[in-house]
Amino acid sequence: MVNKLKVYDKKGNLEQEIELGGKRSLLDDMLDNGINVFFGCMGGSCSACKCKVTKGIEHIDKEALGPQVYTDVADDEVLSCIARAKEGVDEEEIELEKCL
């Protein structure tokens, strides 16, 4: 399992590095670790939680917890409310830039 998530602001400043919680969404892990990130529906349709992945996109299941209902995202973006790290990947990092 991917075990580290680094979250950057829009200016490229590292906000926090956290441990991922397993079968939870990236958004849940960020919120539980005190990272201020926008969200709305928590169901993959409003795009408020969209983040740009700057490292480790291959380690993310973009629709692990539900489909992207009404929102298109670029190849390097995820809706953090429905995305989580893929299982079976060890000691890798994911880096996100908050879009909003």
PDB file of N, CA and C in Angstrom:
ATOM      1  N   MET A   1       0.843  -1.187   0.000  1.00  0.00           N
ATOM      2  CA  MET A   1       0.000   0.000   0.000  1.00  0.00           C
ATOM      3  C   MET A   1       0.880   1.239   0.000  1.00  0.00           C
ATOM      4  N   VAL A   2       0.508   2.213  -0.798  1.00  0.00           N
ATOM      5  CA  VAL A   2       1.209   3.486  -0.766  1.00  0.00           C
ATOM      6  C   VAL A   2       1.057   4.043   0.639  1.00  0.00           C
ATOM      7  N   ASN A   3       2.145   4.518   1.224  1.00  0.00           N
ATOM      8  CA  ASN A   3       2.015   4.934   2.609  1.00  0.00           C
ATOM      9  C   ASN A   3       2.252   6.408   2.869  1.00  0.00           C
ATOM     10  N   LYS A   4       2.649   7.181   1.875  1.00  0.00           N
ATOM     11  CA  LYS A   4       2.901   8.591   2.113  1.00  0.00           C
ATOM     12  C   LYS A   4       2.160   9.456   1.094  1.00  0.00           C
ATOM     13  N   LEU A   5       1.617  10.543   1.596  1.00  0.00           N
ATOM     14  CA  LEU A   5       0.968  11.529   0.746  1.00  0.00           C
ATOM     15  C   LEU A   5       1.538  12.891   1.107  1.00  0.00           C
ATOM     16  N   LYS A   6       2.073  13.586   0.120  1.00  0.00           N
ATOM     17  CA  LYS A   6       2.554  14.948   0.317  1.00  0.00           C
ATOM     18  C   LYS A   6       1.562  15.885  -0.357  1.00  0.00           C
ATOM     19  N   VAL A   7       1.130  16.915   0.366  1.00  0.00           N
ATOM     20  CA  VAL A   7       0.143  17.845  -0.145  1.00  0.00           C
ATOM     21  C   VAL A   7       0.778  19.225  -0.251  1.00  0.00           C
ATOM     22  N   TYR A   8       0.673  19.813  -1.447  1.00  0.00           N
ATOM     23  CA  TYR A   8       1.242  21.126  -1.736  1.00  0.00           C
ATOM     24  C   TYR A   8       0.137  22.126  -2.007  1.00  0.00           C
ATOM     25  N   ASP A   9       0.421  23.396  -1.718  1.00  0.00           N
ATOM     26  CA  ASP A   9      -0.531  24.445  -2.078  1.00  0.00           C
ATOM     27  C   ASP A   9      -0.287  24.865  -3.526  1.00  0.00           C
ATOM     28  N   LYS A  10      -1.077  25.812  -4.015  1.00  0.00           N
ATOM     29  CA  LYS A  10      -0.983  26.249  -5.416  1.00  0.00           C
ATOM     30  C   LYS A  10       0.357  26.891  -5.752  1.00  0.00           C
ATOM     31  N   LYS A  11       1.071  27.377  -4.752  1.00  0.00           N
ATOM     32  CA  LYS A  11       2.372  28.003  -4.974  1.00  0.00           C
ATOM     33  C   LYS A  11       3.522  27.004  -4.928  1.00  0.00           C
ATOM     34  N   GLY A  12       3.209  25.736  -4.686  1.00  0.00           N
ATOM     35  CA  GLY A  12       4.233  24.710  -4.638  1.00  0.00           C
ATOM     36  C   GLY A  12       4.869  24.508  -3.279  1.00  0.00           C
ATOM     37  N   ASN A  13       4.286  25.109  -2.242  1.00  0.00           N
ATOM     38  CA  ASN A  13       4.802  24.941  -0.884  1.00  0.00           C
ATOM     39  C   ASN A  13       4.232  23.672  -0.258  1.00  0.00           C
ATOM     40  N   LEU A  14       5.103  22.866   0.332  1.00  0.00           N
ATOM     41  CA  LEU A  14       4.657  21.654   1.017  1.00  0.00           C
ATOM     42  C   LEU A  14       3.842  22.041   2.240  1.00  0.00           C
ATOM     43  N   GLU A  15       2.589  21.599   2.288  1.00  0.00           N
ATOM     44  CA  GLU A  15       1.738  21.861   3.449  1.00  0.00           C
ATOM     45  C   GLU A  15       1.936  20.799   4.511  1.00  0.00           C
ATOM     46  N   GLN A  16       1.921  19.549   4.072  1.00  0.00           N
ATOM     47  CA  GLN A  16       2.021  18.468   5.045  1.00  0.00           C
ATOM     48  C   GLN A  16       2.317  17.163   4.341  1.00  0.00           C
ATOM     49  N   GLU A  17       2.998  16.272   5.044  1.00  0.00           N
ATOM     50  CA  GLU A  17       3.213  14.903   4.603  1.00  0.00           C
ATOM     51  C   GLU A  17       2.502  14.006   5.601  1.00  0.00           C
ATOM     52  N   ILE A  18       1.654  13.114   5.100  1.00  0.00           N
ATOM     53  CA  ILE A  18       0.858  12.268   5.990  1.00  0.00           C
ATOM     54  C   ILE A  18       0.980  10.806   5.591  1.00  0.00           C
ATOM     55  N   GLU A  19       0.594   9.953   6.512  1.00  0.00           N
ATOM     56  CA  GLU A  19       0.475   8.527   6.254  1.00  0.00           C
ATOM     57  C   GLU A  19      -0.943   8.261   5.767  1.00  0.00           C
ATOM     58  N   LEU A  20      -1.075   7.416   4.772  1.00  0.00           N
ATOM     59  CA  LEU A  20      -2.398   7.078   4.246  1.00  0.00           C
ATOM     60  C   LEU A  20      -3.032   5.989   5.087  1.00  0.00           C
ATOM     61  N   GLY A  21      -4.365   6.015   5.142  1.00  0.00           N
ATOM     62  CA  GLY A  21      -5.091   5.127   6.031  1.00  0.00           C
ATOM     63  C   GLY A  21      -5.628   3.851   5.425  1.00  0.00           C
ATOM     64  N   GLY A  22      -5.180   3.458   4.267  1.00  0.00           N
ATOM     65  CA  GLY A  22      -5.627   2.192   3.703  1.00  0.00           C
ATOM     66  C   GLY A  22      -6.785   2.329   2.751  1.00  0.00           C
ATOM     67  N   LYS A  23      -7.948   1.849   3.125  1.00  0.00           N
ATOM     68  CA  LYS A  23      -9.093   1.781   2.212  1.00  0.00           C
ATOM     69  C   LYS A  23      -9.964   3.026   2.264  1.00  0.00           C
ATOM     70  N   ARG A  24      -9.419   4.120   2.709  1.00  0.00           N
ATOM     71  CA  ARG A  24     -10.159   5.373   2.811  1.00  0.00           C
ATOM     72  C   ARG A  24      -9.812   6.280   1.639  1.00  0.00           C
ATOM     73  N   SER A  25     -10.637   7.283   1.427  1.00  0.00           N
ATOM     74  CA  SER A  25     -10.361   8.229   0.339  1.00  0.00           C
ATOM     75  C   SER A  25      -9.184   9.124   0.707  1.00  0.00           C
ATOM     76  N   LEU A  26      -8.550   9.669  -0.317  1.00  0.00           N
ATOM     77  CA  LEU A  26      -7.476  10.636  -0.087  1.00  0.00           C
ATOM     78  C   LEU A  26      -8.019  11.834   0.682  1.00  0.00           C
ATOM     79  N   LEU A  27      -9.242  12.256   0.374  1.00  0.00           N
ATOM     80  CA  LEU A  27      -9.862  13.375   1.074  1.00  0.00           C
ATOM     81  C   LEU A  27     -10.013  13.078   2.563  1.00  0.00           C
ATOM     82  N   ASP A  28     -10.524  11.909   2.918  1.00  0.00           N
ATOM     83  CA  ASP A  28     -10.683  11.549   4.330  1.00  0.00           C
ATOM     84  C   ASP A  28      -9.353  11.588   5.065  1.00  0.00           C
ATOM     85  N   ASP A  29      -8.306  11.056   4.438  1.00  0.00           N
ATOM     86  CA  ASP A  29      -6.988  11.067   5.077  1.00  0.00           C
ATOM     87  C   ASP A  29      -6.477  12.494   5.266  1.00  0.00           C
ATOM     88  N   MET A  30      -6.704  13.349   4.275  1.00  0.00           N
ATOM     89  CA  MET A  30      -6.260  14.736   4.405  1.00  0.00           C
ATOM     90  C   MET A  30      -7.025  15.452   5.524  1.00  0.00           C
ATOM     91  N   LEU A  31      -8.340  15.307   5.539  1.00  0.00           N
ATOM     92  CA  LEU A  31      -9.143  15.971   6.565  1.00  0.00           C
ATOM     93  C   LEU A  31      -8.800  15.481   7.965  1.00  0.00           C
ATOM     94  N   ASP A  32      -8.611  14.189   8.116  1.00  0.00           N
ATOM     95  CA  ASP A  32      -8.283  13.627   9.432  1.00  0.00           C
ATOM     96  C   ASP A  32      -6.918  14.070   9.935  1.00  0.00           C
ATOM     97  N   ASN A  33      -6.074  14.542   9.032  1.00  0.00           N
ATOM     98  CA  ASN A  33      -4.747  15.009   9.418  1.00  0.00           C
ATOM     99  C   ASN A  33      -4.655  16.534   9.437  1.00  0.00           C
ATOM    100  N   GLY A  34      -5.787  17.200   9.431  1.00  0.00           N
ATOM    101  CA  GLY A  34      -5.825  18.637   9.587  1.00  0.00           C
ATOM    102  C   GLY A  34      -5.458  19.446   8.362  1.00  0.00           C
ATOM    103  N   ILE A  35      -5.487  18.830   7.187  1.00  0.00           N
ATOM    104  CA  ILE A  35      -5.181  19.555   5.964  1.00  0.00           C
ATOM    105  C   ILE A  35      -6.451  20.241   5.479  1.00  0.00           C
ATOM    106  N   ASN A  36      -6.377  21.540   5.296  1.00  0.00           N
ATOM    107  CA  ASN A  36      -7.527  22.323   4.854  1.00  0.00           C
ATOM    108  C   ASN A  36      -7.716  22.122   3.357  1.00  0.00           C
ATOM    109  N   VAL A  37      -8.723  21.358   2.994  1.00  0.00           N
ATOM    110  CA  VAL A  37      -9.011  21.082   1.589  1.00  0.00           C
ATOM    111  C   VAL A  37     -10.514  21.248   1.368  1.00  0.00           C
ATOM    112  N   PHE A  38     -10.873  21.839   0.239  1.00  0.00           N
ATOM    113  CA  PHE A  38     -12.282  22.050  -0.071  1.00  0.00           C
ATOM    114  C   PHE A  38     -12.940  20.730  -0.462  1.00  0.00           C
ATOM    115  N   PHE A  39     -14.221  20.607  -0.150  1.00  0.00           N
ATOM    116  CA  PHE A  39     -15.020  19.470  -0.598  1.00  0.00           C
ATOM    117  C   PHE A  39     -16.478  19.892  -0.565  1.00  0.00           C
ATOM    118  N   GLY A  40     -17.292  19.122  -1.247  1.00  0.00           N
ATOM    119  CA  GLY A  40     -18.720  19.423  -1.295  1.00  0.00           C
ATOM    120  C   GLY A  40     -19.539  18.165  -1.120  1.00  0.00           C
ATOM    121  N   CYS A  41     -19.826  17.519  -2.222  1.00  0.00           N
ATOM    122  CA  CYS A  41     -20.763  16.396  -2.230  1.00  0.00           C
ATOM    123  C   CYS A  41     -20.193  15.118  -1.627  1.00  0.00           C
ATOM    124  N   MET A  42     -18.910  14.940  -1.684  1.00  0.00           N
ATOM    125  CA  MET A  42     -18.206  13.719  -1.248  1.00  0.00           C
ATOM    126  C   MET A  42     -18.684  12.489  -2.023  1.00  0.00           C
ATOM    127  N   GLY A  43     -19.170  12.709  -3.241  1.00  0.00           N
ATOM    128  CA  GLY A  43     -19.655  11.611  -4.050  1.00  0.00           C
ATOM    129  C   GLY A  43     -19.159  11.606  -5.485  1.00  0.00           C
ATOM    130  N   GLY A  44     -18.193  12.445  -5.809  1.00  0.00           N
ATOM    131  CA  GLY A  44     -17.615  12.431  -7.148  1.00  0.00           C
ATOM    132  C   GLY A  44     -18.347  13.230  -8.197  1.00  0.00           C
ATOM    133  N   SER A  45     -19.197  14.184  -7.767  1.00  0.00           N
ATOM    134  CA  SER A  45     -19.947  14.918  -8.784  1.00  0.00           C
ATOM    135  C   SER A  45     -19.744  16.426  -8.789  1.00  0.00           C
ATOM    136  N   CYS A  46     -19.247  17.031  -7.725  1.00  0.00           N
ATOM    137  CA  CYS A  46     -19.200  18.497  -7.696  1.00  0.00           C
ATOM    138  C   CYS A  46     -17.840  19.087  -8.070  1.00  0.00           C
ATOM    139  N   SER A  47     -16.781  18.356  -7.979  1.00  0.00           N
ATOM    140  CA  SER A  47     -15.397  18.725  -8.308  1.00  0.00           C
ATOM    141  C   SER A  47     -14.729  19.677  -7.324  1.00  0.00           C
ATOM    142  N   ALA A  48     -15.344  19.971  -6.191  1.00  0.00           N
ATOM    143  CA  ALA A  48     -14.724  20.869  -5.220  1.00  0.00           C
ATOM    144  C   ALA A  48     -13.420  20.307  -4.657  1.00  0.00           C
ATOM    145  N   CYS A  49     -13.298  19.002  -4.582  1.00  0.00           N
ATOM    146  CA  CYS A  49     -12.123  18.365  -3.974  1.00  0.00           C
ATOM    147  C   CYS A  49     -11.054  17.980  -4.991  1.00  0.00           C
ATOM    148  N   LYS A  50     -11.178  18.480  -6.201  1.00  0.00           N
ATOM    149  CA  LYS A  50     -10.239  18.100  -7.266  1.00  0.00           C
ATOM    150  C   LYS A  50      -8.824  18.525  -6.908  1.00  0.00           C
ATOM    151  N   CYS A  51      -7.868  17.630  -7.152  1.00  0.00           N
ATOM    152  CA  CYS A  51      -6.453  17.898  -6.907  1.00  0.00           C
ATOM    153  C   CYS A  51      -5.637  17.453  -8.112  1.00  0.00           C
ATOM    154  N   LYS A  52      -4.562  18.164  -8.359  1.00  0.00           N
ATOM    155  CA  LYS A  52      -3.619  17.782  -9.409  1.00  0.00           C
ATOM    156  C   LYS A  52      -2.581  16.840  -8.798  1.00  0.00           C
ATOM    157  N   VAL A  53      -2.334  15.721  -9.465  1.00  0.00           N
ATOM    158  CA  VAL A  53      -1.335  14.758  -8.986  1.00  0.00           C
ATOM    159  C   VAL A  53      -0.016  15.081  -9.662  1.00  0.00           C
ATOM    160  N   THR A  54       0.985  15.454  -8.876  1.00  0.00           N
ATOM    161  CA  THR A  54       2.289  15.807  -9.427  1.00  0.00           C
ATOM    162  C   THR A  54       3.283  14.655  -9.357  1.00  0.00           C
ATOM    163  N   LYS A  55       2.934  13.618  -8.587  1.00  0.00           N
ATOM    164  CA  LYS A  55       3.774  12.422  -8.512  1.00  0.00           C
ATOM    165  C   LYS A  55       2.910  11.258  -8.060  1.00  0.00           C
ATOM    166  N   GLY A  56       3.046  10.114  -8.741  1.00  0.00           N
ATOM    167  CA  GLY A  56       2.397   8.897  -8.287  1.00  0.00           C
ATOM    168  C   GLY A  56       1.011   8.628  -8.839  1.00  0.00           C
ATOM    169  N   ILE A  57       0.651   9.241  -9.960  1.00  0.00           N
ATOM    170  CA  ILE A  57      -0.688   9.015 -10.527  1.00  0.00           C
ATOM    171  C   ILE A  57      -0.929   7.534 -10.790  1.00  0.00           C
ATOM    172  N   GLU A  58       0.124   6.800 -11.108  1.00  0.00           N
ATOM    173  CA  GLU A  58      -0.019   5.368 -11.378  1.00  0.00           C
ATOM    174  C   GLU A  58      -0.366   4.571 -10.128  1.00  0.00           C
ATOM    175  N   HIS A  59      -0.253   5.174  -8.961  1.00  0.00           N
ATOM    176  CA  HIS A  59      -0.564   4.500  -7.700  1.00  0.00           C
ATOM    177  C   HIS A  59      -1.943   4.855  -7.165  1.00  0.00           C
ATOM    178  N   ILE A  60      -2.737   5.556  -7.967  1.00  0.00           N
ATOM    179  CA  ILE A  60      -4.060   6.002  -7.515  1.00  0.00           C
ATOM    180  C   ILE A  60      -5.158   5.322  -8.324  1.00  0.00           C
ATOM    181  N   ASP A  61      -6.156   4.805  -7.617  1.00  0.00           N
ATOM    182  CA  ASP A  61      -7.381   4.325  -8.245  1.00  0.00           C
ATOM    183  C   ASP A  61      -8.348   5.499  -8.211  1.00  0.00           C
ATOM    184  N   LYS A  62      -8.562   6.121  -9.368  1.00  0.00           N
ATOM    185  CA  LYS A  62      -9.348   7.359  -9.440  1.00  0.00           C
ATOM    186  C   LYS A  62     -10.817   7.183  -9.064  1.00  0.00           C
ATOM    187  N   GLU A  63     -11.351   5.991  -9.213  1.00  0.00           N
ATOM    188  CA  GLU A  63     -12.771   5.760  -8.924  1.00  0.00           C
ATOM    189  C   GLU A  63     -12.955   4.602  -7.942  1.00  0.00           C
ATOM    190  N   ALA A  64     -12.073   4.515  -6.962  1.00  0.00           N
ATOM    191  CA  ALA A  64     -12.120   3.410  -5.999  1.00  0.00           C
ATOM    192  C   ALA A  64     -13.392   3.411  -5.167  1.00  0.00           C
ATOM    193  N   LEU A  65     -13.914   4.584  -4.859  1.00  0.00           N
ATOM    194  CA  LEU A  65     -15.057   4.678  -3.957  1.00  0.00           C
ATOM    195  C   LEU A  65     -16.315   5.204  -4.637  1.00  0.00           C
ATOM    196  N   GLY A  66     -16.293   5.254  -5.964  1.00  0.00           N
ATOM    197  CA  GLY A  66     -17.460   5.707  -6.704  1.00  0.00           C
ATOM    198  C   GLY A  66     -17.059   6.292  -8.037  1.00  0.00           C
ATOM    199  N   PRO A  67     -18.014   6.438  -8.935  1.00  0.00           N
ATOM    200  CA  PRO A  67     -17.710   6.984 -10.258  1.00  0.00           C
ATOM    201  C   PRO A  67     -17.658   8.505 -10.268  1.00  0.00           C
ATOM    202  N   GLN A  68     -16.920   9.052 -11.227  1.00  0.00           N
ATOM    203  CA  GLN A  68     -16.946  10.488 -11.478  1.00  0.00           C
ATOM    204  C   GLN A  68     -18.246  10.752 -12.233  1.00  0.00           C
ATOM    205  N   VAL A  69     -19.211  11.302 -11.557  1.00  0.00           N
ATOM    206  CA  VAL A  69     -20.564  11.377 -12.096  1.00  0.00           C
ATOM    207  C   VAL A  69     -20.728  12.481 -13.143  1.00  0.00           C
ATOM    208  N   TYR A  70     -20.522  13.716 -12.772  1.00  0.00           N
ATOM    209  CA  TYR A  70     -20.779  14.835 -13.680  1.00  0.00           C
ATOM    210  C   TYR A  70     -19.532  15.621 -14.041  1.00  0.00           C
ATOM    211  N   THR A  71     -18.398  15.241 -13.501  1.00  0.00           N
ATOM    212  CA  THR A  71     -17.197  16.055 -13.597  1.00  0.00           C
ATOM    213  C   THR A  71     -16.144  15.388 -14.453  1.00  0.00           C
ATOM    214  N   ASP A  72     -15.608  16.139 -15.387  1.00  0.00           N
ATOM    215  CA  ASP A  72     -14.457  15.667 -16.143  1.00  0.00           C
ATOM    216  C   ASP A  72     -13.197  16.133 -15.428  1.00  0.00           C
ATOM    217  N   VAL A  73     -12.212  15.268 -15.346  1.00  0.00           N
ATOM    218  CA  VAL A  73     -10.927  15.636 -14.774  1.00  0.00           C
ATOM    219  C   VAL A  73      -9.838  15.296 -15.779  1.00  0.00           C
ATOM    220  N   ALA A  74      -8.769  16.059 -15.750  1.00  0.00           N
ATOM    221  CA  ALA A  74      -7.637  15.803 -16.632  1.00  0.00           C
ATOM    222  C   ALA A  74      -6.939  14.511 -16.213  1.00  0.00           C
ATOM    223  N   ASP A  75      -6.084  14.007 -17.071  1.00  0.00           N
ATOM    224  CA  ASP A  75      -5.368  12.766 -16.780  1.00  0.00           C
ATOM    225  C   ASP A  75      -4.531  12.858 -15.512  1.00  0.00           C
ATOM    226  N   ASP A  76      -4.077  14.070 -15.163  1.00  0.00           N
ATOM    227  CA  ASP A  76      -3.239  14.237 -13.978  1.00  0.00           C
ATOM    228  C   ASP A  76      -4.008  14.795 -12.779  1.00  0.00           C
ATOM    229  N   GLU A  77      -5.342  14.673 -12.782  1.00  0.00           N
ATOM    230  CA  GLU A  77      -6.167  15.148 -11.682  1.00  0.00           C
ATOM    231  C   GLU A  77      -7.005  14.021 -11.106  1.00  0.00           C
ATOM    232  N   VAL A  78      -7.402  14.190  -9.838  1.00  0.00           N
ATOM    233  CA  VAL A  78      -8.296  13.242  -9.177  1.00  0.00           C
ATOM    234  C   VAL A  78      -9.335  14.006  -8.373  1.00  0.00           C
ATOM    235  N   LEU A  79     -10.462  13.385  -8.179  1.00  0.00           N
ATOM    236  CA  LEU A  79     -11.434  13.854  -7.203  1.00  0.00           C
ATOM    237  C   LEU A  79     -11.079  13.123  -5.916  1.00  0.00           C
ATOM    238  N   SER A  80     -10.528  13.838  -4.960  1.00  0.00           N
ATOM    239  CA  SER A  80      -9.969  13.182  -3.777  1.00  0.00           C
ATOM    240  C   SER A  80     -11.015  12.487  -2.918  1.00  0.00           C
ATOM    241  N   CYS A  81     -12.297  12.826  -3.090  1.00  0.00           N
ATOM    242  CA  CYS A  81     -13.351  12.192  -2.294  1.00  0.00           C
ATOM    243  C   CYS A  81     -13.625  10.751  -2.714  1.00  0.00           C
ATOM    244  N   ILE A  82     -13.305  10.400  -3.958  1.00  0.00           N
ATOM    245  CA  ILE A  82     -13.574   9.034  -4.428  1.00  0.00           C
ATOM    246  C   ILE A  82     -12.298   8.282  -4.804  1.00  0.00           C
ATOM    247  N   ALA A  83     -11.162   8.949  -4.724  1.00  0.00           N
ATOM    248  CA  ALA A  83      -9.888   8.318  -5.090  1.00  0.00           C
ATOM    249  C   ALA A  83      -9.171   7.814  -3.842  1.00  0.00           C
ATOM    250  N   ARG A  84      -8.426   6.744  -4.025  1.00  0.00           N
ATOM    251  CA  ARG A  84      -7.555   6.258  -2.951  1.00  0.00           C
ATOM    252  C   ARG A  84      -6.352   5.588  -3.581  1.00  0.00           C
ATOM    253  N   ALA A  85      -5.371   5.326  -2.751  1.00  0.00           N
ATOM    254  CA  ALA A  85      -4.171   4.658  -3.225  1.00  0.00           C
ATOM    255  C   ALA A  85      -4.508   3.213  -3.593  1.00  0.00           C
ATOM    256  N   LYS A  86      -3.887   2.730  -4.667  1.00  0.00           N
ATOM    257  CA  LYS A  86      -4.097   1.345  -5.084  1.00  0.00           C
ATOM    258  C   LYS A  86      -3.488   0.395  -4.071  1.00  0.00           C
ATOM    259  N   GLU A  87      -4.092  -0.758  -3.962  1.00  0.00           N
ATOM    260  CA  GLU A  87      -3.558  -1.786  -3.074  1.00  0.00           C
ATOM    261  C   GLU A  87      -2.404  -2.508  -3.758  1.00  0.00           C
ATOM    262  N   GLY A  88      -1.491  -3.044  -2.960  1.00  0.00           N
ATOM    263  CA  GLY A  88      -0.403  -3.845  -3.494  1.00  0.00           C
ATOM    264  C   GLY A  88       0.819  -3.058  -3.927  1.00  0.00           C
ATOM    265  N   VAL A  89       0.882  -1.773  -3.608  1.00  0.00           N
ATOM    266  CA  VAL A  89       2.050  -0.957  -3.922  1.00  0.00           C
ATOM    267  C   VAL A  89       2.728  -0.616  -2.606  1.00  0.00           C
ATOM    268  N   ASP A  90       4.012  -0.913  -2.500  1.00  0.00           N
ATOM    269  CA  ASP A  90       4.725  -0.685  -1.245  1.00  0.00           C
ATOM    270  C   ASP A  90       5.661   0.503  -1.323  1.00  0.00           C
ATOM    271  N   GLU A  91       5.706   1.253  -0.225  1.00  0.00           N
ATOM    272  CA  GLU A  91       6.698   2.304  -0.003  1.00  0.00           C
ATOM    273  C   GLU A  91       6.801   3.318  -1.131  1.00  0.00           C
ATOM    274  N   GLU A  92       5.705   3.741  -1.657  1.00  0.00           N
ATOM    275  CA  GLU A  92       5.697   4.765  -2.703  1.00  0.00           C
ATOM    276  C   GLU A  92       5.044   6.023  -2.163  1.00  0.00           C
ATOM    277  N   GLU A  93       5.288   7.126  -2.824  1.00  0.00           N
ATOM    278  CA  GLU A  93       4.706   8.399  -2.438  1.00  0.00           C
ATOM    279  C   GLU A  93       3.751   8.898  -3.513  1.00  0.00           C
ATOM    280  N   ILE A  94       2.766   9.620  -3.057  1.00  0.00           N
ATOM    281  CA  ILE A  94       1.869  10.354  -3.937  1.00  0.00           C
ATOM    282  C   ILE A  94       1.996  11.818  -3.554  1.00  0.00           C
ATOM    283  N   GLU A  95       2.079  12.695  -4.544  1.00  0.00           N
ATOM    284  CA  GLU A  95       2.110  14.122  -4.279  1.00  0.00           C
ATOM    285  C   GLU A  95       0.930  14.786  -4.976  1.00  0.00           C
ATOM    286  N   LEU A  96       0.207  15.613  -4.224  1.00  0.00           N
ATOM    287  CA  LEU A  96      -0.964  16.320  -4.731  1.00  0.00           C
ATOM    288  C   LEU A  96      -0.785  17.818  -4.573  1.00  0.00           C
ATOM    289  N   GLU A  97      -1.331  18.544  -5.539  1.00  0.00           N
ATOM    290  CA  GLU A  97      -1.452  19.994  -5.415  1.00  0.00           C
ATOM    291  C   GLU A  97      -2.930  20.308  -5.324  1.00  0.00           C
ATOM    292  N   LYS A  98      -3.308  21.009  -4.281  1.00  0.00           N
ATOM    293  CA  LYS A  98      -4.712  21.378  -4.117  1.00  0.00           C
ATOM    294  C   LYS A  98      -5.076  22.375  -5.210  1.00  0.00           C
ATOM    295  N   CYS A  99      -6.196  22.133  -5.881  1.00  0.00           N
ATOM    296  CA  CYS A  99      -6.589  22.988  -7.014  1.00  0.00           C
ATOM    297  C   CYS A  99      -7.330  24.236  -6.586  1.00  0.00           C
ATOM    298  N   LEU A 100      -8.053  24.208  -5.524  1.00  0.00           N
ATOM    299  CA  LEU A 100      -8.830  25.381  -5.109  1.00  0.00           C
ATOM    300  C   LEU A 100      -8.151  26.087  -3.962  1.00  0.00           C
TER     301      LEU A 100
END
